[in-house]
Amino acid sequence: MTIIKCLIIDDEFLARQLLEGYIRKVPFLELVGQCESAFEAMKLLQEEKIDLMFLDVNMPELSGINFIRTLKHKPEIIITTAYSEHALEGYELDVIEYLLKPIYFERFMLAVNKVRDMIGLKMRARGIERKDENAELPRMAKEDDFLFIKTGSQMIVKVYLRDILYIESLHEYVRIWLEAESYTIYHSLKSLLEILPCDQFIQVHRSSIVNFNKIEAIEGNCVRINGQSIGIGKNYRDEFLNRVKSKSIGAIKSASKNSDEQTGISSAD
């Protein structure tokens, strides 16, 4: 069982006590510390490895939202607040969940289970081994890897990663394309990329991730998947060409300023 190390940041004593009690009930959570302010938390984050922060928004001197903006390397973050108007800001900063006070245990468990799933997928995607005494996570994609996708208030569907063709960003939503259907969910492309296996999925544009195994052809500055053309952005071209090169025979060469004619790939926005 992977243990998730937690930090509570809230200027209200009772709010900290409530979260502490919830954390101690959950076997896979470990409370590392509690802080009354963002400044106090900065010091602890430098000293301890934190996987998950429970972060209040309205705090003196430095708000939770502004605190997130100061962090170069963020743990997973669950916002805890009495005010709902900060939800969009939190999403833009890749906050994984948003708990509105008063926080009930059932809602708390839904949020931390989501964090556990996210951390597990990130560990698999990055090939990192994190274990207690015996447990070990696989390094790369497996044939039966899947995601549960919420498609409505009462519907959650199981989607195997091998069946995903590509994913496109729609501002604060993403659309996941399969061969015969698609699902639109409230999520960021960046966060989704972090949990997908790096040997199977690659970002080719600021608004597109493709399943490398599903590419049928490369034509100019586009890849073709299931008859659809997806542009290759100039900021993603080098990494994409290097991946193509590792699976190619013939004249494919590494990307460079002078390699467009050799590869046949030009820049897309």
Protein backbone atom coordinates (compact mmCIF):
# COMPACT_ATOMS: atom_id res chain seq x y z
CA MET A 1 0.00 0.00 0.00
CA THR A 2 1.37 3.38 -1.02
CA ILE A 3 1.32 5.91 1.82
CA ILE A 4 0.35 9.48 0.92
CA LYS A 5 2.09 12.06 3.12
CA CYS A 6 -0.25 14.96 3.92
CA LEU A 7 0.06 18.57 5.06
CA ILE A 8 -2.81 20.70 6.40
CA ILE A 9 -2.61 24.48 5.86
CA ASP A 10 -5.43 26.42 7.48
CA ASP A 11 -5.51 29.38 9.87
CA GLU A 12 -8.58 27.99 11.69
CA PHE A 13 -7.84 25.58 14.55
CA LEU A 14 -11.15 23.71 14.31
CA ALA A 15 -10.75 23.21 10.56
CA ARG A 16 -7.28 21.72 11.11
CA GLN A 17 -8.62 19.44 13.83
CA LEU A 18 -11.42 18.17 11.62
CA LEU A 19 -9.04 17.30 8.77
CA GLU A 20 -6.57 15.71 11.18
CA GLY A 21 -9.32 13.43 12.47
CA TYR A 22 -10.35 12.45 8.94
CA ILE A 23 -6.74 11.75 7.89
CA ARG A 24 -6.12 9.49 10.90
CA LYS A 25 -9.11 7.35 9.88
CA VAL A 26 -7.67 6.56 6.44
CA PRO A 27 -4.96 3.84 6.31
CA PHE A 28 -3.17 5.18 3.22
CA LEU A 29 -2.87 8.76 4.56
CA GLU A 30 -0.11 9.98 6.89
CA LEU A 31 -0.23 13.42 8.48
CA VAL A 32 3.23 15.03 8.34
CA GLY A 33 2.29 18.41 9.76
CA GLN A 34 -0.14 21.29 10.24
CA CYS A 35 0.48 24.95 9.42
CA GLU A 36 -1.46 28.10 10.26
CA SER A 37 -0.10 30.09 7.33
CA ALA A 38 1.44 29.72 3.88
CA PHE A 39 4.76 31.09 5.15
CA GLU A 40 4.94 28.39 7.80
CA ALA A 41 4.17 25.78 5.13
CA MET A 42 7.01 26.99 2.88
CA LYS A 43 9.58 25.97 5.46
CA LEU A 44 8.02 22.56 6.04
CA LEU A 45 7.80 21.85 2.29
CA GLN A 46 11.56 22.40 2.06
CA GLU A 47 12.21 19.94 4.87
CA GLU A 48 9.67 17.20 4.17
CA LYS A 49 8.44 15.23 1.17
CA ILE A 50 4.74 16.08 0.90
CA ASP A 51 2.43 14.25 -1.51
CA LEU A 52 -0.82 16.05 -0.71
CA MET A 53 -1.74 19.47 0.71
CA PHE A 54 -5.11 20.38 2.17
CA LEU A 55 -5.03 24.12 1.57
CA ASP A 56 -7.39 26.84 2.79
CA VAL A 57 -7.89 29.81 0.44
CA ASN A 58 -8.60 32.71 2.80
CA MET A 59 -5.56 33.10 5.04
CA PRO A 60 -3.82 36.22 6.35
CA GLU A 61 -0.80 37.72 4.53
CA LEU A 62 -0.76 35.19 1.67
CA SER A 63 -3.89 33.51 0.30
CA GLY A 64 -3.96 29.85 -0.64
CA ILE A 65 -4.35 30.70 -4.35
CA ASN A 66 -1.34 33.03 -4.34
CA PHE A 67 0.63 30.48 -2.34
CA ILE A 68 0.07 27.88 -5.07
CA ARG A 69 1.43 30.34 -7.62
CA THR A 70 4.70 30.60 -5.66
CA LEU A 71 5.35 26.85 -5.77
CA LYS A 72 7.75 25.56 -8.38
CA HIS A 73 7.20 21.90 -7.55
CA LYS A 74 3.63 21.31 -6.39
CA PRO A 75 2.33 18.30 -4.49
CA GLU A 76 -1.26 17.29 -5.19
CA ILE A 77 -3.56 19.95 -3.77
CA ILE A 78 -7.07 19.79 -2.34
CA ILE A 79 -8.51 23.24 -1.67
CA THR A 80 -10.63 23.57 1.48
CA THR A 81 -12.70 26.73 1.73
CA ALA A 82 -16.06 28.18 2.67
CA TYR A 83 -16.26 30.09 -0.62
CA SER A 84 -17.16 28.53 -3.96
CA GLU A 85 -15.99 31.40 -6.20
CA HIS A 86 -12.38 30.19 -6.15
CA ALA A 87 -13.13 26.91 -7.95
CA LEU A 88 -12.15 28.11 -11.44
CA GLU A 89 -8.90 29.66 -10.18
CA GLY A 90 -8.05 26.38 -8.48
CA TYR A 91 -8.69 24.40 -11.65
CA GLU A 92 -6.41 26.69 -13.65
CA LEU A 93 -3.65 25.96 -11.12
CA ASP A 94 -4.16 22.18 -11.50
CA VAL A 95 -5.77 21.69 -8.09
CA ILE A 96 -7.05 18.13 -7.98
CA GLU A 97 -10.16 18.72 -5.84
CA TYR A 98 -12.19 21.47 -4.20
CA LEU A 99 -13.86 20.79 -0.83
CA LEU A 100 -16.45 23.29 0.33
CA LYS A 101 -16.75 23.78 4.10
CA PRO A 102 -18.31 22.29 6.14
CA ILE A 103 -16.48 19.20 4.89
CA TYR A 104 -18.19 15.85 5.41
CA PHE A 105 -16.24 12.61 5.64
CA GLU A 106 -17.91 11.02 2.60
CA ARG A 107 -16.91 13.96 0.40
CA PHE A 108 -13.42 13.91 1.94
CA MET A 109 -13.02 10.23 1.00
CA LEU A 110 -14.09 10.84 -2.60
CA ALA A 111 -11.40 13.51 -2.88
CA VAL A 112 -8.55 11.50 -1.32
CA ASN A 113 -9.42 8.41 -3.36
CA LYS A 114 -9.11 10.57 -6.46
CA VAL A 115 -5.69 11.72 -5.24
CA ARG A 116 -4.60 8.13 -4.59
CA ASP A 117 -5.60 7.10 -8.13
CA MET A 118 -3.83 10.14 -9.62
CA ILE A 119 -0.61 9.50 -7.71
CA GLY A 120 -0.63 5.82 -8.67
CA LEU A 121 -1.05 6.62 -12.36
CA LYS A 122 1.71 9.25 -12.25
CA MET A 123 4.06 6.75 -10.64
CA ARG A 124 3.37 4.21 -13.35
CA ALA A 125 3.75 6.79 -16.11
CA ARG A 126 7.11 7.98 -14.81
CA GLY A 127 8.44 4.53 -13.99
CA ILE A 128 8.94 5.39 -10.32
CA GLU A 129 9.00 2.69 -7.67
CA ARG A 130 7.41 3.74 -4.41
CA LYS A 131 6.67 1.03 -1.93
CA ASP A 132 6.28 0.28 1.74
CA GLU A 133 7.60 -3.15 2.67
CA ASN A 134 6.47 -5.28 -0.24
CA ALA A 135 4.34 -3.37 -2.73
CA GLU A 136 5.73 -2.38 -6.11
CA LEU A 137 4.15 -0.50 -9.02
CA PRO A 138 4.66 -1.37 -12.70
CA ARG A 139 6.99 0.89 -14.67
CA MET A 140 5.21 1.35 -18.00
CA ALA A 141 1.84 0.89 -19.66
CA LYS A 142 0.17 -2.47 -19.32
CA GLU A 143 -2.34 -3.97 -21.71
CA ASP A 144 -5.16 -3.73 -19.18
CA ASP A 145 -4.50 -0.15 -17.95
CA PHE A 146 -7.68 1.91 -17.78
CA LEU A 147 -9.32 5.07 -16.49
CA PHE A 148 -12.77 5.56 -15.01
CA ILE A 149 -14.40 8.56 -16.70
CA LYS A 150 -17.40 10.35 -15.23
CA THR A 151 -19.76 11.11 -18.13
CA GLY A 152 -22.78 12.32 -16.18
CA SER A 153 -24.19 12.73 -12.71
CA GLN A 154 -24.97 9.00 -12.47
CA MET A 155 -22.65 7.47 -15.08
CA ILE A 156 -18.99 6.42 -14.87
CA VAL A 157 -17.48 4.45 -17.74
CA LYS A 158 -14.34 2.34 -17.88
CA VAL A 159 -12.01 3.23 -20.76
CA TYR A 160 -8.95 1.14 -21.57
CA LEU A 161 -5.91 3.28 -22.42
CA ARG A 162 -5.18 1.08 -25.43
CA ASP A 163 -8.50 2.20 -26.97
CA ILE A 164 -7.83 5.94 -26.72
CA LEU A 165 -6.92 7.45 -30.11
CA TYR A 166 -6.13 11.01 -29.10
CA ILE A 167 -7.15 13.72 -26.62
CA GLU A 168 -7.86 17.36 -27.41
CA SER A 169 -8.08 20.35 -25.11
CA LEU A 170 -11.26 22.43 -25.03
CA HIS A 171 -10.15 25.20 -22.65
CA GLU A 172 -11.09 23.90 -19.19
CA TYR A 173 -12.35 20.59 -20.65
CA VAL A 174 -10.75 17.77 -22.61
CA ARG A 175 -12.32 15.46 -25.17
CA ILE A 176 -11.10 11.86 -25.19
CA TRP A 177 -11.54 10.26 -28.61
CA LEU A 178 -12.08 6.52 -29.10
CA GLU A 179 -12.75 4.80 -32.41
CA ALA A 180 -16.55 4.95 -32.20
CA GLU A 181 -17.24 7.61 -29.55
CA SER A 182 -15.78 10.42 -27.47
CA TYR A 183 -16.10 11.68 -23.89
CA THR A 184 -15.82 15.30 -22.75
CA ILE A 185 -14.71 15.81 -19.15
CA TYR A 186 -13.78 18.70 -16.86
CA HIS A 187 -9.99 18.30 -16.67
CA SER A 188 -6.81 19.96 -17.86
CA LEU A 189 -4.65 18.51 -20.62
CA LYS A 190 -1.53 19.05 -18.52
CA SER A 191 -2.82 17.04 -15.56
CA LEU A 192 -4.03 14.26 -17.84
CA LEU A 193 -0.65 14.00 -19.55
CA GLU A 194 1.01 13.47 -16.17
CA ILE A 195 -1.04 10.34 -15.44
CA LEU A 196 -0.84 8.74 -18.88
CA PRO A 197 1.96 6.21 -19.56
CA CYS A 198 4.87 8.05 -21.17
CA ASP A 199 5.71 5.10 -23.44
CA GLN A 200 2.22 5.14 -24.97
CA PHE A 201 1.11 8.79 -25.12
CA ILE A 202 2.88 11.91 -26.35
CA GLN A 203 1.86 15.57 -26.62
CA VAL A 204 2.20 16.84 -30.21
CA HIS A 205 0.53 20.23 -29.84
CA ARG A 206 -0.46 22.57 -27.01
CA SER A 207 -4.00 21.25 -27.39
CA SER A 208 -3.40 17.61 -28.41
CA ILE A 209 -2.10 14.35 -26.96
CA VAL A 210 -1.96 11.27 -29.18
CA ASN A 211 -1.69 7.56 -28.57
CA PHE A 212 1.62 6.83 -30.30
CA ASN A 213 0.52 3.26 -31.02
CA LYS A 214 -2.49 4.55 -33.01
CA ILE A 215 -0.58 6.76 -35.48
CA GLU A 216 -1.29 5.60 -39.04
CA ALA A 217 0.91 8.09 -40.89
CA ILE A 218 2.84 11.35 -40.65
CA GLU A 219 2.01 13.82 -43.39
CA GLY A 220 3.78 17.18 -43.46
CA ASN A 221 3.15 18.81 -40.09
CA CYS A 222 0.35 16.44 -39.10
CA VAL A 223 -0.12 12.95 -37.77
CA ARG A 224 -3.03 10.86 -39.03
CA ILE A 225 -5.05 8.77 -36.59
CA ASN A 226 -8.26 7.01 -37.58
CA GLY A 227 -8.50 9.25 -40.65
CA GLN A 228 -8.14 12.46 -38.62
CA SER A 229 -5.23 14.89 -39.07
CA ILE A 230 -3.70 16.35 -35.88
CA GLY A 231 -1.19 19.17 -36.12
CA ILE A 232 2.36 18.93 -34.71
CA GLY A 233 3.31 22.10 -32.86
CA LYS A 234 6.84 23.46 -33.23
CA ASN A 235 7.44 23.28 -29.46
CA TYR A 236 6.69 19.55 -29.48
CA ARG A 237 8.32 18.60 -32.78
CA ASP A 238 11.77 17.62 -31.49
CA GLU A 239 10.49 15.17 -28.90
CA PHE A 240 8.01 13.72 -31.36
CA LEU A 241 10.64 13.24 -34.09
CA ASN A 242 12.99 11.57 -31.65
CA ARG A 243 10.24 9.12 -30.76
CA VAL A 244 9.52 8.51 -34.44
CA LYS A 245 13.22 8.01 -35.13
CA SER A 246 13.45 5.28 -32.49
CA LYS A 247 10.80 3.31 -34.39
CA SER A 248 11.87 4.14 -37.95
CA ILE A 249 13.91 2.78 -40.81
CA GLY A 250 14.98 4.93 -43.74
CA ALA A 251 15.87 8.62 -43.83
CA ILE A 252 14.19 9.91 -40.66
CA LYS A 253 16.63 12.16 -38.80
CA SER A 254 16.57 14.04 -35.51
CA ALA A 255 14.87 17.42 -35.60
CA SER A 256 17.02 20.48 -36.22
CA LYS A 257 16.76 23.84 -37.93
CA ASN A 258 17.80 22.27 -41.21
CA SER A 259 15.96 18.97 -40.95
CA ASP A 260 12.50 19.95 -42.25
CA GLU A 261 13.20 18.79 -45.77
CA GLN A 262 14.70 15.50 -44.55
CA THR A 263 11.77 14.67 -42.27
CA GLY A 264 8.96 16.20 -44.27
CA ILE A 265 7.61 17.82 -41.10
CA SER A 266 7.14 21.53 -40.84
CA SER A 267 6.03 23.67 -37.91
CA ALA A 268 2.45 23.96 -36.73
CA ASP A 269 1.22 26.55 -34.27
